[in-house]
Amino acid sequence: MDSGRLAQHQYQAYREWSENLPIVQDDGGTRKYRHREPKHIFGDYFVRAVLDSLNARNISLARASSYLDGLKINDLHQLEQYYAGV
């Protein structure tokens, strides 16, 4: 019935070993270029179409944000500045 199972002492040794492993802190990525991600995901043509619609007031800022992968409003303004400089 216990075929293929670990013995209790082996399992307890494993639990003690796993609890003593060091916890690696991941700093995560940077959001420095988050505003450029929609261009890489959707392409230049789509991003320009959304920004043109936003500037023509055909869509709201919130709608443009949702079209561009949930981009935060601050990042959306940075994207507009990025395209204005390109």
PDB file of N, CA and C in Angstrom:
ATOM      1  N   MET A   1       0.804  -1.187   0.000  1.00  0.00           N
ATOM      2  CA  MET A   1       0.000   0.000   0.000  1.00  0.00           C
ATOM      3  C   MET A   1       0.858   1.266   0.000  1.00  0.00           C
ATOM      4  N   ASP A   2       1.977   1.266   0.695  1.00  0.00           N
ATOM      5  CA  ASP A   2       2.863   2.424   0.726  1.00  0.00           C
ATOM      6  C   ASP A   2       3.924   2.353  -0.360  1.00  0.00           C
ATOM      7  N   SER A   3       3.696   1.539  -1.340  1.00  0.00           N
ATOM      8  CA  SER A   3       4.655   1.380  -2.428  1.00  0.00           C
ATOM      9  C   SER A   3       4.817   2.701  -3.180  1.00  0.00           C
ATOM     10  N   GLY A   4       6.048   3.110  -3.405  1.00  0.00           N
ATOM     11  CA  GLY A   4       6.331   4.336  -4.131  1.00  0.00           C
ATOM     12  C   GLY A   4       6.277   5.596  -3.287  1.00  0.00           C
ATOM     13  N   ARG A   5       6.037   5.480  -2.011  1.00  0.00           N
ATOM     14  CA  ARG A   5       5.983   6.641  -1.122  1.00  0.00           C
ATOM     15  C   ARG A   5       7.293   6.791  -0.368  1.00  0.00           C
ATOM     16  N   LEU A   6       7.573   8.014   0.040  1.00  0.00           N
ATOM     17  CA  LEU A   6       8.746   8.266   0.866  1.00  0.00           C
ATOM     18  C   LEU A   6       8.468   7.846   2.300  1.00  0.00           C
ATOM     19  N   ALA A   7       9.524   7.421   2.938  1.00  0.00           N
ATOM     20  CA  ALA A   7       9.400   7.130   4.370  1.00  0.00           C
ATOM     21  C   ALA A   7       9.247   8.456   5.108  1.00  0.00           C
ATOM     22  N   GLN A   8       8.613   8.414   6.259  1.00  0.00           N
ATOM     23  CA  GLN A   8       8.332   9.640   7.019  1.00  0.00           C
ATOM     24  C   GLN A   8       9.609  10.399   7.356  1.00  0.00           C
ATOM     25  N   HIS A   9      10.685   9.691   7.722  1.00  0.00           N
ATOM     26  CA  HIS A   9      11.928  10.383   8.078  1.00  0.00           C
ATOM     27  C   HIS A   9      12.560  11.045   6.851  1.00  0.00           C
ATOM     28  N   GLN A  10      12.414  10.440   5.670  1.00  0.00           N
ATOM     29  CA  GLN A  10      12.936  11.061   4.454  1.00  0.00           C
ATOM     30  C   GLN A  10      12.144  12.328   4.108  1.00  0.00           C
ATOM     31  N   TYR A  11      10.845  12.238   4.271  1.00  0.00           N
ATOM     32  CA  TYR A  11      10.000  13.397   3.991  1.00  0.00           C
ATOM     33  C   TYR A  11      10.308  14.535   4.959  1.00  0.00           C
ATOM     34  N   GLN A  12      10.490  14.204   6.217  1.00  0.00           N
ATOM     35  CA  GLN A  12      10.810  15.221   7.215  1.00  0.00           C
ATOM     36  C   GLN A  12      12.168  15.850   6.921  1.00  0.00           C
ATOM     37  N   ALA A  13      13.137  15.047   6.484  1.00  0.00           N
ATOM     38  CA  ALA A  13      14.453  15.582   6.124  1.00  0.00           C
ATOM     39  C   ALA A  13      14.328  16.535   4.931  1.00  0.00           C
ATOM     40  N   TYR A  14      13.488  16.171   3.970  1.00  0.00           N
ATOM     41  CA  TYR A  14      13.260  17.045   2.819  1.00  0.00           C
ATOM     42  C   TYR A  14      12.638  18.368   3.257  1.00  0.00           C
ATOM     43  N   ARG A  15      11.647  18.313   4.149  1.00  0.00           N
ATOM     44  CA  ARG A  15      10.985  19.532   4.623  1.00  0.00           C
ATOM     45  C   ARG A  15      11.977  20.446   5.334  1.00  0.00           C
ATOM     46  N   GLU A  16      12.833  19.872   6.160  1.00  0.00           N
ATOM     47  CA  GLU A  16      13.833  20.680   6.862  1.00  0.00           C
ATOM     48  C   GLU A  16      14.811  21.304   5.874  1.00  0.00           C
ATOM     49  N   TRP A  17      15.220  20.515   4.874  1.00  0.00           N
ATOM     50  CA  TRP A  17      16.141  21.019   3.861  1.00  0.00           C
ATOM     51  C   TRP A  17      15.503  22.169   3.075  1.00  0.00           C
ATOM     52  N   SER A  18      14.247  22.009   2.646  1.00  0.00           N
ATOM     53  CA  SER A  18      13.603  23.041   1.831  1.00  0.00           C
ATOM     54  C   SER A  18      13.332  24.315   2.628  1.00  0.00           C
ATOM     55  N   GLU A  19      13.100  24.194   3.930  1.00  0.00           N
ATOM     56  CA  GLU A  19      12.879  25.381   4.753  1.00  0.00           C
ATOM     57  C   GLU A  19      14.162  26.175   4.964  1.00  0.00           C
ATOM     58  N   ASN A  20      15.312  25.531   4.832  1.00  0.00           N
ATOM     59  CA  ASN A  20      16.586  26.203   5.054  1.00  0.00           C
ATOM     60  C   ASN A  20      17.209  26.748   3.779  1.00  0.00           C
ATOM     61  N   LEU A  21      16.526  26.608   2.650  1.00  0.00           N
ATOM     62  CA  LEU A  21      17.052  27.163   1.408  1.00  0.00           C
ATOM     63  C   LEU A  21      17.004  28.684   1.471  1.00  0.00           C
ATOM     64  N   PRO A  22      18.020  29.345   0.914  1.00  0.00           N
ATOM     65  CA  PRO A  22      17.986  30.816   0.926  1.00  0.00           C
ATOM     66  C   PRO A  22      16.894  31.324  -0.020  1.00  0.00           C
ATOM     67  N   ILE A  23      16.226  32.387   0.397  1.00  0.00           N
ATOM     68  CA  ILE A  23      15.186  32.992  -0.425  1.00  0.00           C
ATOM     69  C   ILE A  23      15.843  34.048  -1.299  1.00  0.00           C
ATOM     70  N   VAL A  24      15.730  33.865  -2.592  1.00  0.00           N
ATOM     71  CA  VAL A  24      16.341  34.783  -3.540  1.00  0.00           C
ATOM     72  C   VAL A  24      15.376  35.932  -3.796  1.00  0.00           C
ATOM     73  N   GLN A  25      15.849  37.145  -3.537  1.00  0.00           N
ATOM     74  CA  GLN A  25      15.031  38.324  -3.786  1.00  0.00           C
ATOM     75  C   GLN A  25      15.229  38.756  -5.227  1.00  0.00           C
ATOM     76  N   ASP A  26      14.143  38.796  -5.966  1.00  0.00           N
ATOM     77  CA  ASP A  26      14.198  39.241  -7.343  1.00  0.00           C
ATOM     78  C   ASP A  26      13.837  40.716  -7.379  1.00  0.00           C
ATOM     79  N   ASP A  27      14.745  41.508  -7.906  1.00  0.00           N
ATOM     80  CA  ASP A  27      14.492  42.939  -7.969  1.00  0.00           C
ATOM     81  C   ASP A  27      13.420  43.281  -8.998  1.00  0.00           C
ATOM     82  N   GLY A  28      13.174  42.351  -9.907  1.00  0.00           N
ATOM     83  CA  GLY A  28      12.181  42.612 -10.939  1.00  0.00           C
ATOM     84  C   GLY A  28      12.768  43.474 -12.040  1.00  0.00           C
ATOM     85  N   GLY A  29      11.962  43.729 -13.005  1.00  0.00           N
ATOM     86  CA  GLY A  29      12.412  44.532 -14.128  1.00  0.00           C
ATOM     87  C   GLY A  29      12.170  46.008 -13.886  1.00  0.00           C
ATOM     88  N   THR A  30      12.660  46.772 -14.793  1.00  0.00           N
ATOM     89  CA  THR A  30      12.475  48.209 -14.707  1.00  0.00           C
ATOM     90  C   THR A  30      11.302  48.620 -15.592  1.00  0.00           C
ATOM     91  N   ARG A  31      10.629  49.670 -15.210  1.00  0.00           N
ATOM     92  CA  ARG A  31       9.509  50.178 -16.006  1.00  0.00           C
ATOM     93  C   ARG A  31       9.970  51.356 -16.866  1.00  0.00           C
ATOM     94  N   LYS A  32      11.264  51.499 -17.017  1.00  0.00           N
ATOM     95  CA  LYS A  32      11.802  52.658 -17.722  1.00  0.00           C
ATOM     96  C   LYS A  32      11.292  52.748 -19.158  1.00  0.00           C
ATOM     97  N   TYR A  33      11.154  51.620 -19.836  1.00  0.00           N
ATOM     98  CA  TYR A  33      10.736  51.623 -21.234  1.00  0.00           C
ATOM     99  C   TYR A  33       9.377  50.969 -21.428  1.00  0.00           C
ATOM    100  N   ARG A  34       8.550  50.958 -20.382  1.00  0.00           N
ATOM    101  CA  ARG A  34       7.217  50.352 -20.478  1.00  0.00           C
ATOM    102  C   ARG A  34       6.382  51.022 -21.561  1.00  0.00           C
ATOM    103  N   HIS A  35       6.581  52.322 -21.757  1.00  0.00           N
ATOM    104  CA  HIS A  35       5.784  53.045 -22.747  1.00  0.00           C
ATOM    105  C   HIS A  35       6.062  52.580 -24.173  1.00  0.00           C
ATOM    106  N   ARG A  36       7.171  51.908 -24.418  1.00  0.00           N
ATOM    107  CA  ARG A  36       7.499  51.435 -25.766  1.00  0.00           C
ATOM    108  C   ARG A  36       6.981  50.029 -26.057  1.00  0.00           C
ATOM    109  N   GLU A  37       6.526  49.320 -25.029  1.00  0.00           N
ATOM    110  CA  GLU A  37       6.093  47.937 -25.223  1.00  0.00           C
ATOM    111  C   GLU A  37       4.958  47.774 -26.226  1.00  0.00           C
ATOM    112  N   PRO A  38       3.926  48.635 -26.229  1.00  0.00           N
ATOM    113  CA  PRO A  38       2.851  48.430 -27.207  1.00  0.00           C
ATOM    114  C   PRO A  38       3.344  48.435 -28.652  1.00  0.00           C
ATOM    115  N   LYS A  39       4.371  49.222 -28.937  1.00  0.00           N
ATOM    116  CA  LYS A  39       4.926  49.243 -30.296  1.00  0.00           C
ATOM    117  C   LYS A  39       5.486  47.877 -30.664  1.00  0.00           C
ATOM    118  N   HIS A  40       6.140  47.223 -29.714  1.00  0.00           N
ATOM    119  CA  HIS A  40       6.726  45.913 -29.978  1.00  0.00           C
ATOM    120  C   HIS A  40       5.668  44.820 -30.009  1.00  0.00           C
ATOM    121  N   ILE A  41       4.599  44.996 -29.245  1.00  0.00           N
ATOM    122  CA  ILE A  41       3.551  43.979 -29.176  1.00  0.00           C
ATOM    123  C   ILE A  41       2.609  44.080 -30.366  1.00  0.00           C
ATOM    124  N   PHE A  42       2.097  45.290 -30.628  1.00  0.00           N
ATOM    125  CA  PHE A  42       1.044  45.475 -31.627  1.00  0.00           C
ATOM    126  C   PHE A  42       1.547  45.998 -32.965  1.00  0.00           C
ATOM    127  N   GLY A  43       2.701  46.596 -32.971  1.00  0.00           N
ATOM    128  CA  GLY A  43       3.229  47.149 -34.211  1.00  0.00           C
ATOM    129  C   GLY A  43       3.015  48.651 -34.290  1.00  0.00           C
ATOM    130  N   ASP A  44       3.839  49.261 -35.102  1.00  0.00           N
ATOM    131  CA  ASP A  44       3.845  50.710 -35.247  1.00  0.00           C
ATOM    132  C   ASP A  44       2.521  51.232 -35.812  1.00  0.00           C
ATOM    133  N   TYR A  45       1.973  50.545 -36.800  1.00  0.00           N
ATOM    134  CA  TYR A  45       0.748  51.002 -37.463  1.00  0.00           C
ATOM    135  C   TYR A  45      -0.418  51.084 -36.485  1.00  0.00           C
ATOM    136  N   PHE A  46      -0.603  50.057 -35.662  1.00  0.00           N
ATOM    137  CA  PHE A  46      -1.708  50.034 -34.703  1.00  0.00           C
ATOM    138  C   PHE A  46      -1.547  51.119 -33.646  1.00  0.00           C
ATOM    139  N   VAL A  47      -0.339  51.263 -33.122  1.00  0.00           N
ATOM    140  CA  VAL A  47      -0.098  52.262 -32.070  1.00  0.00           C
ATOM    141  C   VAL A  47      -0.355  53.663 -32.611  1.00  0.00           C
ATOM    142  N   ARG A  48       0.106  53.927 -33.826  1.00  0.00           N
ATOM    143  CA  ARG A  48      -0.142  55.242 -34.429  1.00  0.00           C
ATOM    144  C   ARG A  48      -1.632  55.477 -34.664  1.00  0.00           C
ATOM    145  N   ALA A  49      -2.360  54.432 -35.053  1.00  0.00           N
ATOM    146  CA  ALA A  49      -3.803  54.568 -35.268  1.00  0.00           C
ATOM    147  C   ALA A  49      -4.516  54.910 -33.960  1.00  0.00           C
ATOM    148  N   VAL A  50      -4.116  54.266 -32.873  1.00  0.00           N
ATOM    149  CA  VAL A  50      -4.724  54.556 -31.568  1.00  0.00           C
ATOM    150  C   VAL A  50      -4.390  55.978 -31.131  1.00  0.00           C
ATOM    151  N   LEU A  51      -3.138  56.378 -31.290  1.00  0.00           N
ATOM    152  CA  LEU A  51      -2.750  57.733 -30.888  1.00  0.00           C
ATOM    153  C   LEU A  51      -3.435  58.788 -31.752  1.00  0.00           C
ATOM    154  N   ASP A  52      -3.583  58.516 -33.051  1.00  0.00           N
ATOM    155  CA  ASP A  52      -4.298  59.454 -33.923  1.00  0.00           C
ATOM    156  C   ASP A  52      -5.758  59.579 -33.510  1.00  0.00           C
ATOM    157  N   SER A  53      -6.384  58.461 -33.171  1.00  0.00           N
ATOM    158  CA  SER A  53      -7.777  58.500 -32.713  1.00  0.00           C
ATOM    159  C   SER A  53      -7.903  59.253 -31.396  1.00  0.00           C
ATOM    160  N   LEU A  54      -6.924  59.079 -30.536  1.00  0.00           N
ATOM    161  CA  LEU A  54      -6.929  59.795 -29.259  1.00  0.00           C
ATOM    162  C   LEU A  54      -6.794  61.297 -29.491  1.00  0.00           C
ATOM    163  N   ASN A  55      -5.874  61.683 -30.362  1.00  0.00           N
ATOM    164  CA  ASN A  55      -5.666  63.106 -30.634  1.00  0.00           C
ATOM    165  C   ASN A  55      -6.856  63.730 -31.350  1.00  0.00           C
ATOM    166  N   ALA A  56      -7.585  62.942 -32.142  1.00  0.00           N
ATOM    167  CA  ALA A  56      -8.785  63.437 -32.821  1.00  0.00           C
ATOM    168  C   ALA A  56      -9.998  63.401 -31.897  1.00  0.00           C
ATOM    169  N   ARG A  57      -9.794  62.941 -30.675  1.00  0.00           N
ATOM    170  CA  ARG A  57     -10.852  62.822 -29.655  1.00  0.00           C
ATOM    171  C   ARG A  57     -11.967  61.863 -30.073  1.00  0.00           C
ATOM    172  N   ASN A  58     -11.593  60.844 -30.853  1.00  0.00           N
ATOM    173  CA  ASN A  58     -12.550  59.795 -31.211  1.00  0.00           C
ATOM    174  C   ASN A  58     -12.668  58.752 -30.106  1.00  0.00           C
ATOM    175  N   ILE A  59     -11.610  58.623 -29.305  1.00  0.00           N
ATOM    176  CA  ILE A  59     -11.615  57.687 -28.176  1.00  0.00           C
ATOM    177  C   ILE A  59     -11.104  58.420 -26.941  1.00  0.00           C
ATOM    178  N   SER A  60     -11.466  57.897 -25.789  1.00  0.00           N
ATOM    179  CA  SER A  60     -11.029  58.515 -24.533  1.00  0.00           C
ATOM    180  C   SER A  60      -9.622  58.040 -24.175  1.00  0.00           C
ATOM    181  N   LEU A  61      -9.048  58.709 -23.220  1.00  0.00           N
ATOM    182  CA  LEU A  61      -7.719  58.338 -22.736  1.00  0.00           C
ATOM    183  C   LEU A  61      -7.746  56.943 -22.122  1.00  0.00           C
ATOM    184  N   ALA A  62      -8.807  56.644 -21.389  1.00  0.00           N
ATOM    185  CA  ALA A  62      -8.937  55.314 -20.780  1.00  0.00           C
ATOM    186  C   ALA A  62      -9.078  54.234 -21.848  1.00  0.00           C
ATOM    187  N   ARG A  63      -9.822  54.527 -22.908  1.00  0.00           N
ATOM    188  CA  ARG A  63      -9.993  53.550 -23.990  1.00  0.00           C
ATOM    189  C   ARG A  63      -8.671  53.326 -24.723  1.00  0.00           C
ATOM    190  N   ALA A  64      -7.925  54.391 -24.965  1.00  0.00           N
ATOM    191  CA  ALA A  64      -6.617  54.262 -25.605  1.00  0.00           C
ATOM    192  C   ALA A  64      -5.688  53.423 -24.740  1.00  0.00           C
ATOM    193  N   SER A  65      -5.752  53.635 -23.440  1.00  0.00           N
ATOM    194  CA  SER A  65      -4.937  52.853 -22.516  1.00  0.00           C
ATOM    195  C   SER A  65      -5.282  51.373 -22.607  1.00  0.00           C
ATOM    196  N   SER A  66      -6.568  51.065 -22.676  1.00  0.00           N
ATOM    197  CA  SER A  66      -6.967  49.652 -22.748  1.00  0.00           C
ATOM    198  C   SER A  66      -6.560  49.033 -24.077  1.00  0.00           C
ATOM    199  N   TYR A  67      -6.608  49.798 -25.165  1.00  0.00           N
ATOM    200  CA  TYR A  67      -6.176  49.289 -26.466  1.00  0.00           C
ATOM    201  C   TYR A  67      -4.674  49.018 -26.487  1.00  0.00           C
ATOM    202  N   LEU A  68      -3.925  49.768 -25.690  1.00  0.00           N
ATOM    203  CA  LEU A  68      -2.468  49.647 -25.691  1.00  0.00           C
ATOM    204  C   LEU A  68      -1.977  48.829 -24.504  1.00  0.00           C
ATOM    205  N   ASP A  69      -2.575  47.691 -24.287  1.00  0.00           N
ATOM    206  CA  ASP A  69      -2.133  46.720 -23.289  1.00  0.00           C
ATOM    207  C   ASP A  69      -2.213  47.262 -21.865  1.00  0.00           C
ATOM    208  N   GLY A  70      -3.237  48.050 -21.570  1.00  0.00           N
ATOM    209  CA  GLY A  70      -3.417  48.551 -20.210  1.00  0.00           C
ATOM    210  C   GLY A  70      -2.335  49.509 -19.769  1.00  0.00           C
ATOM    211  N   LEU A  71      -1.786  50.232 -20.705  1.00  0.00           N
ATOM    212  CA  LEU A  71      -0.719  51.181 -20.407  1.00  0.00           C
ATOM    213  C   LEU A  71      -1.225  52.244 -19.434  1.00  0.00           C
ATOM    214  N   LYS A  72      -0.432  52.549 -18.424  1.00  0.00           N
ATOM    215  CA  LYS A  72      -0.817  53.586 -17.467  1.00  0.00           C
ATOM    216  C   LYS A  72      -0.819  54.944 -18.171  1.00  0.00           C
ATOM    217  N   ILE A  73      -1.607  55.855 -17.637  1.00  0.00           N
ATOM    218  CA  ILE A  73      -1.793  57.159 -18.276  1.00  0.00           C
ATOM    219  C   ILE A  73      -0.467  57.900 -18.419  1.00  0.00           C
ATOM    220  N   ASN A  74       0.360  57.854 -17.395  1.00  0.00           N
ATOM    221  CA  ASN A  74       1.668  58.504 -17.460  1.00  0.00           C
ATOM    222  C   ASN A  74       2.517  57.894 -18.574  1.00  0.00           C
ATOM    223  N   ASP A  75       2.486  56.564 -18.696  1.00  0.00           N
ATOM    224  CA  ASP A  75       3.243  55.894 -19.750  1.00  0.00           C
ATOM    225  C   ASP A  75       2.663  56.212 -21.125  1.00  0.00           C
ATOM    226  N   LEU A  76       1.354  56.402 -21.196  1.00  0.00           N
ATOM    227  CA  LEU A  76       0.716  56.760 -22.466  1.00  0.00           C
ATOM    228  C   LEU A  76       1.189  58.134 -22.928  1.00  0.00           C
ATOM    229  N   HIS A  77       1.320  59.064 -21.994  1.00  0.00           N
ATOM    230  CA  HIS A  77       1.841  60.388 -22.347  1.00  0.00           C
ATOM    231  C   HIS A  77       3.300  60.287 -22.803  1.00  0.00           C
ATOM    232  N   GLN A  78       4.073  59.417 -22.175  1.00  0.00           N
ATOM    233  CA  GLN A  78       5.454  59.203 -22.613  1.00  0.00           C
ATOM    234  C   GLN A  78       5.490  58.598 -24.009  1.00  0.00           C
ATOM    235  N   LEU A  79       4.546  57.708 -24.310  1.00  0.00           N
ATOM    236  CA  LEU A  79       4.468  57.114 -25.648  1.00  0.00           C
ATOM    237  C   LEU A  79       4.149  58.186 -26.685  1.00  0.00           C
ATOM    238  N   GLU A  80       3.249  59.089 -26.352  1.00  0.00           N
ATOM    239  CA  GLU A  80       2.936  60.196 -27.264  1.00  0.00           C
ATOM    240  C   GLU A  80       4.177  61.050 -27.512  1.00  0.00           C
ATOM    241  N   GLN A  81       4.925  61.337 -26.464  1.00  0.00           N
ATOM    242  CA  GLN A  81       6.148  62.124 -26.619  1.00  0.00           C
ATOM    243  C   GLN A  81       7.186  61.365 -27.432  1.00  0.00           C
ATOM    244  N   TYR A  82       7.248  60.056 -27.238  1.00  0.00           N
ATOM    245  CA  TYR A  82       8.189  59.227 -27.992  1.00  0.00           C
ATOM    246  C   TYR A  82       7.867  59.287 -29.484  1.00  0.00           C
ATOM    247  N   TYR A  83       6.584  59.180 -29.821  1.00  0.00           N
ATOM    248  CA  TYR A  83       6.195  59.231 -31.225  1.00  0.00           C
ATOM    249  C   TYR A  83       6.321  60.637 -31.800  1.00  0.00           C
ATOM    250  N   ALA A  84       6.171  61.648 -30.980  1.00  0.00           N
ATOM    251  CA  ALA A  84       6.343  63.020 -31.457  1.00  0.00           C
ATOM    252  C   ALA A  84       7.806  63.284 -31.798  1.00  0.00           C
ATOM    253  N   GLY A  85       8.710  62.617 -31.079  1.00  0.00           N
ATOM    254  CA  GLY A  85      10.136  62.796 -31.318  1.00  0.00           C
ATOM    255  C   GLY A  85      10.689  61.914 -32.416  1.00  0.00           C
ATOM    256  N   VAL A  86       9.915  60.902 -32.843  1.00  0.00           N
ATOM    257  CA  VAL A  86      10.411  59.955 -33.861  1.00  0.00           C
ATOM    258  C   VAL A  86      10.304  60.524 -35.226  1.00  0.00           C
TER     259      VAL A  86
END
